[in-house]
Amino acid sequence: MNITVVEHNPKWKHEYLKEEKLIEKILQKELVNSFHIGSTSIPDLKAKPIIDILLVVNDIKALDNYSQQFEKLGYEVMGEFGIKQRRYYRKGGNNRTHQIHAFQYDNTQEIERHLSFRDYLCQNSEIRQQYGELKSKLAHKFPNDINGYSNGKDEFVRKIEKEALKWHWFNR
């Protein structure tokens, strides 16, 4: 996979909304809510041009019944893919365009983690800039190594996730 980090593109929001409608048609009553997450959801943040989608569903195991429909949309069905009680889907192969992270409605720890991180970065321009610069440096250093790129971000992301969760509870 080629790692490319680019300036924020306002079209990413529209790409998310377009995909959200397709997913809603598939899941209908199983879907509780859908959110645009990840770097493409944060204005003024450099990002890999991959739309991250968080799905909150009634029954995580029921998503397994929709594998064929997700495949018809071009998604690769990956199961839990390293995070218990999650369903992960990716689209675009080596030139990935979308990723879906699905959790059952009561998996509040994972849902809050994603949403708090997004919202915290939207409110903190200095941290947003630091994160964007880090991602650019790592993409340059690891242009074809997703593990090197991800590992390079890990410490920063974990630190910011902790700050974001505290911020979230303080600002409720």
N, C-alpha and C. Protein backbone atom coordinates (compact mmCIF):
# COMPACT_ATOMS: atom_id res chain seq x y z
N MET A 1 0.84 -1.18 0.00
CA MET A 1 0.00 0.00 0.00
C MET A 1 0.89 1.24 0.00
N ASN A 2 0.61 2.15 -0.92
CA ASN A 2 1.33 3.41 -0.96
C ASN A 2 0.74 4.35 0.08
N ILE A 3 1.61 4.98 0.86
CA ILE A 3 1.16 5.89 1.90
C ILE A 3 1.36 7.32 1.38
N THR A 4 0.26 8.01 1.22
CA THR A 4 0.27 9.39 0.76
C THR A 4 -0.55 10.22 1.73
N VAL A 5 0.05 11.30 2.21
CA VAL A 5 -0.65 12.23 3.09
C VAL A 5 -0.79 13.54 2.33
N VAL A 6 -2.02 14.05 2.26
CA VAL A 6 -2.31 15.25 1.48
C VAL A 6 -3.02 16.28 2.35
N GLU A 7 -3.12 17.50 1.84
CA GLU A 7 -3.87 18.55 2.53
C GLU A 7 -5.35 18.15 2.58
N HIS A 8 -6.05 18.68 3.57
CA HIS A 8 -7.48 18.38 3.73
C HIS A 8 -8.25 18.77 2.47
N ASN A 9 -9.19 17.92 2.08
CA ASN A 9 -10.02 18.16 0.92
C ASN A 9 -11.48 18.24 1.38
N PRO A 10 -12.14 19.39 1.20
CA PRO A 10 -13.54 19.52 1.63
C PRO A 10 -14.48 18.52 0.96
N LYS A 11 -14.08 17.93 -0.16
CA LYS A 11 -14.91 16.94 -0.85
C LYS A 11 -15.04 15.65 -0.06
N TRP A 12 -14.14 15.42 0.89
CA TRP A 12 -14.20 14.19 1.67
C TRP A 12 -15.52 14.06 2.41
N LYS A 13 -16.06 15.17 2.89
CA LYS A 13 -17.35 15.12 3.59
C LYS A 13 -18.44 14.60 2.65
N HIS A 14 -18.42 15.04 1.41
CA HIS A 14 -19.43 14.59 0.43
C HIS A 14 -19.23 13.12 0.08
N GLU A 15 -17.97 12.69 0.02
CA GLU A 15 -17.69 11.27 -0.23
C GLU A 15 -18.26 10.41 0.90
N TYR A 16 -18.08 10.89 2.12
CA TYR A 16 -18.65 10.18 3.27
C TYR A 16 -20.17 10.09 3.15
N LEU A 17 -20.81 11.21 2.89
CA LEU A 17 -22.28 11.25 2.83
C LEU A 17 -22.82 10.33 1.73
N LYS A 18 -22.12 10.28 0.62
CA LYS A 18 -22.52 9.40 -0.48
C LYS A 18 -22.44 7.93 -0.05
N GLU A 19 -21.36 7.58 0.62
CA GLU A 19 -21.19 6.20 1.08
C GLU A 19 -22.17 5.87 2.19
N GLU A 20 -22.43 6.83 3.06
CA GLU A 20 -23.37 6.63 4.16
C GLU A 20 -24.75 6.23 3.62
N LYS A 21 -25.19 6.86 2.55
CA LYS A 21 -26.50 6.53 1.96
C LYS A 21 -26.53 5.10 1.43
N LEU A 22 -25.44 4.67 0.81
CA LEU A 22 -25.37 3.30 0.31
C LEU A 22 -25.42 2.29 1.45
N ILE A 23 -24.73 2.60 2.53
CA ILE A 23 -24.71 1.70 3.70
C ILE A 23 -26.08 1.66 4.37
N GLU A 24 -26.72 2.82 4.49
CA GLU A 24 -28.06 2.87 5.09
C GLU A 24 -29.04 1.99 4.32
N LYS A 25 -28.92 1.96 3.01
CA LYS A 25 -29.81 1.12 2.19
C LYS A 25 -29.61 -0.36 2.50
N ILE A 26 -28.38 -0.74 2.77
CA ILE A 26 -28.08 -2.14 3.08
C ILE A 26 -28.58 -2.50 4.48
N LEU A 27 -28.20 -1.71 5.47
CA LEU A 27 -28.42 -2.09 6.87
C LEU A 27 -29.79 -1.72 7.40
N GLN A 28 -30.42 -0.73 6.86
CA GLN A 28 -31.76 -0.29 7.25
C GLN A 28 -31.95 -0.27 8.75
N LYS A 29 -32.74 -1.18 9.29
CA LYS A 29 -33.08 -1.15 10.72
C LYS A 29 -31.94 -1.60 11.63
N GLU A 30 -30.93 -2.25 11.09
CA GLU A 30 -29.81 -2.69 11.92
C GLU A 30 -28.91 -1.52 12.32
N LEU A 31 -28.91 -0.48 11.51
CA LEU A 31 -28.04 0.67 11.75
C LEU A 31 -28.65 1.62 12.77
N VAL A 32 -27.90 1.92 13.82
CA VAL A 32 -28.32 2.88 14.83
C VAL A 32 -27.87 4.28 14.42
N ASN A 33 -26.60 4.39 14.00
CA ASN A 33 -26.06 5.68 13.57
C ASN A 33 -24.77 5.46 12.79
N SER A 34 -24.38 6.49 12.07
CA SER A 34 -23.16 6.46 11.26
C SER A 34 -22.44 7.78 11.44
N PHE A 35 -21.10 7.71 11.49
CA PHE A 35 -20.30 8.91 11.71
C PHE A 35 -19.09 8.91 10.78
N HIS A 36 -18.74 10.08 10.30
CA HIS A 36 -17.49 10.29 9.57
C HIS A 36 -16.42 10.51 10.63
N ILE A 37 -15.41 9.64 10.65
CA ILE A 37 -14.34 9.74 11.64
C ILE A 37 -13.00 9.76 10.92
N GLY A 38 -11.93 9.71 11.69
CA GLY A 38 -10.60 9.68 11.11
C GLY A 38 -10.19 11.05 10.59
N SER A 39 -9.02 11.10 10.04
CA SER A 39 -8.42 12.37 9.64
C SER A 39 -9.19 13.10 8.55
N THR A 40 -9.87 12.37 7.66
CA THR A 40 -10.61 13.05 6.60
C THR A 40 -11.84 13.78 7.13
N SER A 41 -12.23 13.50 8.36
CA SER A 41 -13.39 14.16 8.96
C SER A 41 -13.01 15.44 9.69
N ILE A 42 -11.73 15.74 9.77
CA ILE A 42 -11.25 16.87 10.58
C ILE A 42 -10.74 17.98 9.66
N PRO A 43 -11.44 19.11 9.62
CA PRO A 43 -11.00 20.21 8.75
C PRO A 43 -9.56 20.64 9.06
N ASP A 44 -8.84 20.99 8.01
CA ASP A 44 -7.47 21.51 8.11
C ASP A 44 -6.44 20.48 8.60
N LEU A 45 -6.79 19.21 8.59
CA LEU A 45 -5.83 18.18 8.99
C LEU A 45 -5.36 17.43 7.75
N LYS A 46 -4.05 17.31 7.61
CA LYS A 46 -3.49 16.49 6.54
C LYS A 46 -3.92 15.05 6.79
N ALA A 47 -4.13 14.31 5.69
CA ALA A 47 -4.65 12.95 5.85
C ALA A 47 -4.29 12.08 4.67
N LYS A 48 -4.28 10.78 4.92
CA LYS A 48 -4.34 9.83 3.81
C LYS A 48 -5.76 9.97 3.27
N PRO A 49 -5.94 10.01 1.97
CA PRO A 49 -7.29 10.23 1.43
C PRO A 49 -8.17 8.99 1.49
N ILE A 50 -8.41 8.54 2.72
CA ILE A 50 -9.24 7.36 2.98
C ILE A 50 -10.36 7.77 3.92
N ILE A 51 -11.59 7.57 3.50
CA ILE A 51 -12.75 7.95 4.29
C ILE A 51 -13.00 6.86 5.34
N ASP A 52 -12.90 7.25 6.62
CA ASP A 52 -13.19 6.33 7.71
C ASP A 52 -14.63 6.54 8.17
N ILE A 53 -15.33 5.43 8.31
CA ILE A 53 -16.74 5.46 8.70
C ILE A 53 -16.91 4.62 9.96
N LEU A 54 -17.59 5.20 10.94
CA LEU A 54 -17.94 4.48 12.16
C LEU A 54 -19.42 4.15 12.09
N LEU A 55 -19.72 2.86 12.16
CA LEU A 55 -21.11 2.41 12.21
C LEU A 55 -21.44 1.94 13.61
N VAL A 56 -22.57 2.38 14.13
CA VAL A 56 -23.10 1.89 15.39
C VAL A 56 -24.33 1.08 15.02
N VAL A 57 -24.34 -0.19 15.44
CA VAL A 57 -25.41 -1.11 15.02
C VAL A 57 -26.08 -1.75 16.23
N ASN A 58 -27.26 -2.30 15.98
CA ASN A 58 -27.99 -2.99 17.05
C ASN A 58 -27.29 -4.27 17.50
N ASP A 59 -26.84 -5.08 16.55
CA ASP A 59 -26.25 -6.39 16.87
C ASP A 59 -25.03 -6.60 15.98
N ILE A 60 -23.85 -6.59 16.56
CA ILE A 60 -22.61 -6.69 15.78
C ILE A 60 -22.55 -8.02 15.01
N LYS A 61 -23.05 -9.08 15.60
CA LYS A 61 -23.01 -10.38 14.92
C LYS A 61 -23.94 -10.42 13.71
N ALA A 62 -25.00 -9.64 13.75
CA ALA A 62 -25.93 -9.60 12.63
C ALA A 62 -25.27 -9.01 11.37
N LEU A 63 -24.22 -8.21 11.55
CA LEU A 63 -23.53 -7.65 10.37
C LEU A 63 -22.95 -8.73 9.48
N ASP A 64 -22.63 -9.87 10.06
CA ASP A 64 -22.08 -10.97 9.27
C ASP A 64 -23.06 -11.44 8.19
N ASN A 65 -24.34 -11.18 8.38
CA ASN A 65 -25.35 -11.54 7.39
C ASN A 65 -25.37 -10.60 6.18
N TYR A 66 -24.64 -9.51 6.26
CA TYR A 66 -24.63 -8.50 5.20
C TYR A 66 -23.34 -8.50 4.38
N SER A 67 -22.52 -9.52 4.56
CA SER A 67 -21.22 -9.56 3.88
C SER A 67 -21.35 -9.45 2.37
N GLN A 68 -22.28 -10.16 1.79
CA GLN A 68 -22.46 -10.13 0.33
C GLN A 68 -22.81 -8.72 -0.17
N GLN A 69 -23.67 -8.04 0.56
CA GLN A 69 -24.07 -6.68 0.15
C GLN A 69 -22.89 -5.72 0.25
N PHE A 70 -22.05 -5.86 1.28
CA PHE A 70 -20.87 -5.02 1.39
C PHE A 70 -19.88 -5.32 0.26
N GLU A 71 -19.74 -6.59 -0.08
CA GLU A 71 -18.86 -6.97 -1.18
C GLU A 71 -19.34 -6.38 -2.50
N LYS A 72 -20.66 -6.33 -2.70
CA LYS A 72 -21.20 -5.72 -3.92
C LYS A 72 -20.88 -4.23 -4.01
N LEU A 73 -20.71 -3.59 -2.86
CA LEU A 73 -20.31 -2.18 -2.84
C LEU A 73 -18.79 -2.01 -3.03
N GLY A 74 -18.08 -3.14 -3.10
CA GLY A 74 -16.64 -3.08 -3.31
C GLY A 74 -15.80 -3.25 -2.06
N TYR A 75 -16.45 -3.59 -0.96
CA TYR A 75 -15.72 -3.75 0.31
C TYR A 75 -15.17 -5.16 0.46
N GLU A 76 -14.02 -5.23 1.09
CA GLU A 76 -13.42 -6.48 1.52
C GLU A 76 -13.86 -6.66 2.97
N VAL A 77 -14.48 -7.79 3.28
CA VAL A 77 -15.00 -8.07 4.61
C VAL A 77 -13.87 -8.70 5.43
N MET A 78 -13.47 -8.04 6.53
CA MET A 78 -12.28 -8.45 7.28
C MET A 78 -12.58 -9.01 8.67
N GLY A 79 -13.85 -9.11 9.06
CA GLY A 79 -14.19 -9.62 10.40
C GLY A 79 -13.77 -8.64 11.48
N GLU A 80 -13.33 -9.17 12.62
CA GLU A 80 -12.92 -8.31 13.74
C GLU A 80 -11.61 -7.58 13.43
N PHE A 81 -10.72 -8.20 12.71
CA PHE A 81 -9.45 -7.63 12.27
C PHE A 81 -8.68 -6.95 13.41
N GLY A 82 -8.49 -7.73 14.49
CA GLY A 82 -7.62 -7.28 15.58
C GLY A 82 -8.30 -6.53 16.72
N ILE A 83 -9.56 -6.19 16.58
CA ILE A 83 -10.28 -5.51 17.66
C ILE A 83 -11.54 -6.31 17.96
N LYS A 84 -11.61 -6.86 19.17
CA LYS A 84 -12.76 -7.69 19.54
C LYS A 84 -14.05 -6.89 19.47
N GLN A 85 -15.09 -7.58 19.04
CA GLN A 85 -16.44 -7.02 18.95
C GLN A 85 -16.56 -5.88 17.92
N ARG A 86 -15.65 -5.90 16.93
CA ARG A 86 -15.72 -4.94 15.83
C ARG A 86 -15.93 -5.72 14.54
N ARG A 87 -16.48 -5.06 13.53
CA ARG A 87 -16.46 -5.57 12.17
C ARG A 87 -15.78 -4.49 11.34
N TYR A 88 -14.81 -4.94 10.52
CA TYR A 88 -13.99 -4.03 9.73
C TYR A 88 -14.14 -4.37 8.26
N TYR A 89 -14.30 -3.34 7.45
CA TYR A 89 -14.43 -3.48 6.00
C TYR A 89 -13.51 -2.45 5.36
N ARG A 90 -12.91 -2.82 4.23
CA ARG A 90 -12.08 -1.86 3.51
C ARG A 90 -12.37 -1.95 2.03
N LYS A 91 -12.19 -0.81 1.37
CA LYS A 91 -12.55 -0.69 -0.04
C LYS A 91 -11.38 -0.06 -0.80
N GLY A 92 -11.08 -0.61 -1.96
CA GLY A 92 -10.07 0.00 -2.82
C GLY A 92 -8.75 -0.72 -2.91
N GLY A 93 -8.61 -1.84 -2.22
CA GLY A 93 -7.37 -2.61 -2.30
C GLY A 93 -6.16 -1.80 -1.87
N ASN A 94 -5.08 -1.83 -2.67
CA ASN A 94 -3.86 -1.10 -2.33
C ASN A 94 -4.03 0.41 -2.47
N ASN A 95 -5.07 0.84 -3.15
CA ASN A 95 -5.39 2.26 -3.25
C ASN A 95 -6.69 2.52 -2.49
N ARG A 96 -6.65 2.18 -1.21
CA ARG A 96 -7.84 2.20 -0.37
C ARG A 96 -8.53 3.56 -0.41
N THR A 97 -9.86 3.52 -0.46
CA THR A 97 -10.66 4.74 -0.49
C THR A 97 -11.54 4.89 0.74
N HIS A 98 -11.96 3.75 1.32
CA HIS A 98 -12.89 3.77 2.46
C HIS A 98 -12.53 2.65 3.44
N GLN A 99 -12.83 2.91 4.70
CA GLN A 99 -12.73 1.90 5.75
C GLN A 99 -13.95 2.05 6.65
N ILE A 100 -14.51 0.93 7.05
CA ILE A 100 -15.65 0.95 7.97
C ILE A 100 -15.24 0.22 9.25
N HIS A 101 -15.52 0.87 10.36
CA HIS A 101 -15.32 0.29 11.69
C HIS A 101 -16.72 0.23 12.31
N ALA A 102 -17.23 -0.96 12.54
CA ALA A 102 -18.58 -1.12 13.07
C ALA A 102 -18.54 -1.70 14.47
N PHE A 103 -19.37 -1.12 15.35
CA PHE A 103 -19.46 -1.58 16.73
C PHE A 103 -20.92 -1.64 17.14
N GLN A 104 -21.21 -2.54 18.05
CA GLN A 104 -22.55 -2.62 18.62
C GLN A 104 -22.77 -1.39 19.51
N TYR A 105 -24.00 -0.93 19.58
CA TYR A 105 -24.37 0.31 20.28
C TYR A 105 -23.85 0.39 21.71
N ASP A 106 -23.71 -0.75 22.40
CA ASP A 106 -23.28 -0.72 23.80
C ASP A 106 -21.77 -0.84 23.98
N ASN A 107 -21.03 -0.83 22.89
CA ASN A 107 -19.57 -0.83 22.98
C ASN A 107 -19.11 0.63 23.05
N THR A 108 -19.53 1.28 24.11
CA THR A 108 -19.33 2.72 24.23
C THR A 108 -17.85 3.11 24.31
N GLN A 109 -17.01 2.24 24.84
CA GLN A 109 -15.59 2.57 24.94
C GLN A 109 -14.99 2.82 23.56
N GLU A 110 -15.23 1.93 22.62
CA GLU A 110 -14.69 2.10 21.27
C GLU A 110 -15.36 3.25 20.52
N ILE A 111 -16.65 3.37 20.67
CA ILE A 111 -17.39 4.43 19.98
C ILE A 111 -16.93 5.79 20.49
N GLU A 112 -16.88 5.96 21.81
CA GLU A 112 -16.44 7.23 22.41
C GLU A 112 -14.99 7.56 22.05
N ARG A 113 -14.14 6.56 21.99
CA ARG A 113 -12.73 6.77 21.65
C ARG A 113 -12.61 7.43 20.28
N HIS A 114 -13.32 6.91 19.31
CA HIS A 114 -13.25 7.45 17.95
C HIS A 114 -13.85 8.85 17.86
N LEU A 115 -15.02 9.03 18.44
CA LEU A 115 -15.70 10.32 18.34
C LEU A 115 -14.99 11.40 19.14
N SER A 116 -14.48 11.06 20.32
CA SER A 116 -13.77 12.03 21.14
C SER A 116 -12.49 12.49 20.46
N PHE A 117 -11.76 11.56 19.87
CA PHE A 117 -10.52 11.90 19.16
C PHE A 117 -10.83 12.88 18.03
N ARG A 118 -11.84 12.58 17.24
CA ARG A 118 -12.23 13.46 16.14
C ARG A 118 -12.61 14.85 16.66
N ASP A 119 -13.48 14.90 17.63
CA ASP A 119 -13.98 16.17 18.13
C ASP A 119 -12.89 16.99 18.81
N TYR A 120 -12.00 16.32 19.52
CA TYR A 120 -10.89 17.00 20.20
C TYR A 120 -9.96 17.66 19.18
N LEU A 121 -9.63 16.94 18.12
CA LEU A 121 -8.76 17.51 17.10
C LEU A 121 -9.44 18.66 16.35
N CYS A 122 -10.74 18.56 16.17
CA CYS A 122 -11.47 19.67 15.53
C CYS A 122 -11.37 20.95 16.36
N GLN A 123 -11.27 20.82 17.67
CA GLN A 123 -11.24 21.96 18.58
C GLN A 123 -9.83 22.45 18.92
N ASN A 124 -8.78 21.72 18.53
CA ASN A 124 -7.42 22.04 18.94
C ASN A 124 -6.49 22.16 17.75
N SER A 125 -6.35 23.37 17.25
CA SER A 125 -5.56 23.59 16.03
C SER A 125 -4.09 23.24 16.20
N GLU A 126 -3.52 23.51 17.38
CA GLU A 126 -2.10 23.22 17.60
C GLU A 126 -1.82 21.71 17.53
N ILE A 127 -2.65 20.93 18.18
CA ILE A 127 -2.48 19.47 18.17
C ILE A 127 -2.78 18.93 16.78
N ARG A 128 -3.79 19.48 16.13
CA ARG A 128 -4.13 19.09 14.75
C ARG A 128 -2.93 19.31 13.83
N GLN A 129 -2.26 20.46 13.98
CA GLN A 129 -1.09 20.76 13.16
C GLN A 129 0.06 19.80 13.47
N GLN A 130 0.29 19.52 14.74
CA GLN A 130 1.35 18.58 15.13
C GLN A 130 1.09 17.20 14.52
N TYR A 131 -0.14 16.77 14.59
CA TYR A 131 -0.51 15.46 14.07
C TYR A 131 -0.33 15.42 12.55
N GLY A 132 -0.75 16.45 11.87
CA GLY A 132 -0.58 16.51 10.42
C GLY A 132 0.88 16.48 10.01
N GLU A 133 1.72 17.21 10.73
CA GLU A 133 3.16 17.22 10.43
C GLU A 133 3.77 15.85 10.68
N LEU A 134 3.38 15.21 11.78
CA LEU A 134 3.88 13.87 12.08
C LEU A 134 3.50 12.90 10.97
N LYS A 135 2.26 12.96 10.52
CA LYS A 135 1.81 12.05 9.47
C LYS A 135 2.56 12.30 8.17
N SER A 136 2.81 13.54 7.84
CA SER A 136 3.56 13.86 6.62
C SER A 136 4.98 13.30 6.69
N LYS A 137 5.64 13.49 7.83
CA LYS A 137 7.00 12.98 8.00
C LYS A 137 7.03 11.46 7.90
N LEU A 138 6.06 10.81 8.53
CA LEU A 138 6.02 9.35 8.51
C LEU A 138 5.71 8.81 7.11
N ALA A 139 4.84 9.49 6.38
CA ALA A 139 4.52 9.07 5.01
C ALA A 139 5.75 9.19 4.13
N HIS A 140 6.55 10.20 4.36
CA HIS A 140 7.80 10.38 3.60
C HIS A 140 8.81 9.31 3.99
N LYS A 141 8.88 9.00 5.28
CA LYS A 141 9.84 8.00 5.77
C LYS A 141 9.43 6.57 5.42
N PHE A 142 8.12 6.29 5.41
CA PHE A 142 7.60 4.94 5.17
C PHE A 142 6.59 4.95 4.02
N PRO A 143 7.00 5.30 2.81
CA PRO A 143 6.04 5.46 1.71
C PRO A 143 5.33 4.17 1.29
N ASN A 144 5.90 3.02 1.63
CA ASN A 144 5.29 1.74 1.25
C ASN A 144 5.16 0.78 2.43
N ASP A 145 5.21 1.31 3.63
CA ASP A 145 5.24 0.47 4.83
C ASP A 145 4.16 0.94 5.80
N ILE A 146 2.96 0.39 5.67
CA ILE A 146 1.84 0.81 6.52
C ILE A 146 2.12 0.53 7.99
N ASN A 147 2.84 -0.56 8.28
CA ASN A 147 3.15 -0.85 9.68
C ASN A 147 4.11 0.18 10.26
N GLY A 148 5.15 0.56 9.51
CA GLY A 148 6.07 1.59 9.97
C GLY A 148 5.36 2.91 10.18
N TYR A 149 4.49 3.27 9.25
CA TYR A 149 3.71 4.50 9.34
C TYR A 149 2.81 4.46 10.58
N SER A 150 2.07 3.38 10.75
CA SER A 150 1.13 3.26 11.88
C SER A 150 1.88 3.22 13.22
N ASN A 151 2.96 2.46 13.27
CA ASN A 151 3.73 2.39 14.51
C ASN A 151 4.32 3.75 14.88
N GLY A 152 4.71 4.53 13.88
CA GLY A 152 5.25 5.85 14.13
C GLY A 152 4.23 6.82 14.73
N LYS A 153 2.96 6.60 14.44
CA LYS A 153 1.88 7.46 14.96
C LYS A 153 1.38 6.99 16.32
N ASP A 154 1.63 5.74 16.65
CA ASP A 154 0.97 5.08 17.77
C ASP A 154 1.09 5.85 19.10
N GLU A 155 2.30 6.23 19.49
CA GLU A 155 2.49 6.91 20.78
C GLU A 155 1.73 8.24 20.82
N PHE A 156 1.82 9.01 19.73
CA PHE A 156 1.12 10.29 19.66
C PHE A 156 -0.39 10.08 19.76
N VAL A 157 -0.91 9.13 19.00
CA VAL A 157 -2.35 8.87 18.98
C VAL A 157 -2.85 8.44 20.35
N ARG A 158 -2.14 7.55 21.00
CA ARG A 158 -2.57 7.07 22.33
C ARG A 158 -2.60 8.22 23.34
N LYS A 159 -1.60 9.08 23.28
CA LYS A 159 -1.55 10.23 24.18
C LYS A 159 -2.74 11.15 23.92
N ILE A 160 -3.01 11.44 22.66
CA ILE A 160 -4.11 12.34 22.31
C ILE A 160 -5.46 11.69 22.62
N GLU A 161 -5.57 10.38 22.43
CA GLU A 161 -6.83 9.70 22.79
C GLU A 161 -7.15 9.90 24.26
N LYS A 162 -6.15 9.77 25.13
CA LYS A 162 -6.37 9.96 26.57
C LYS A 162 -6.82 11.40 26.84
N GLU A 163 -6.13 12.37 26.25
CA GLU A 163 -6.51 13.77 26.43
C GLU A 163 -7.92 14.02 25.90
N ALA A 164 -8.22 13.41 24.76
CA ALA A 164 -9.52 13.61 24.12
C ALA A 164 -10.65 13.05 24.97
N LEU A 165 -10.45 11.89 25.57
CA LEU A 165 -11.50 11.31 26.41
C LEU A 165 -11.74 12.16 27.66
N LYS A 166 -10.67 12.67 28.28
CA LYS A 166 -10.84 13.56 29.43
C LYS A 166 -11.57 14.83 29.00
N TRP A 167 -11.15 15.39 27.89
CA TRP A 167 -11.78 16.60 27.35
C TRP A 167 -13.27 16.36 27.09
N HIS A 168 -13.57 15.20 26.51
CA HIS A 168 -14.95 14.85 26.20
C HIS A 168 -15.82 14.86 27.47
N TRP A 169 -15.35 14.22 28.53
CA TRP A 169 -16.14 14.13 29.75
C TRP A 169 -16.21 15.48 30.46
N PHE A 170 -15.18 16.28 30.33
CA PHE A 170 -15.19 17.61 30.95
C PHE A 170 -16.14 18.54 30.22
N ASN A 171 -16.29 18.36 28.91
CA ASN A 171 -17.08 19.27 28.08
C ASN A 171 -18.47 18.74 27.73
N ARG A 172 -18.94 17.78 28.43
CA ARG A 172 -20.28 17.23 28.16
C ARG A 172 -21.36 18.18 28.55
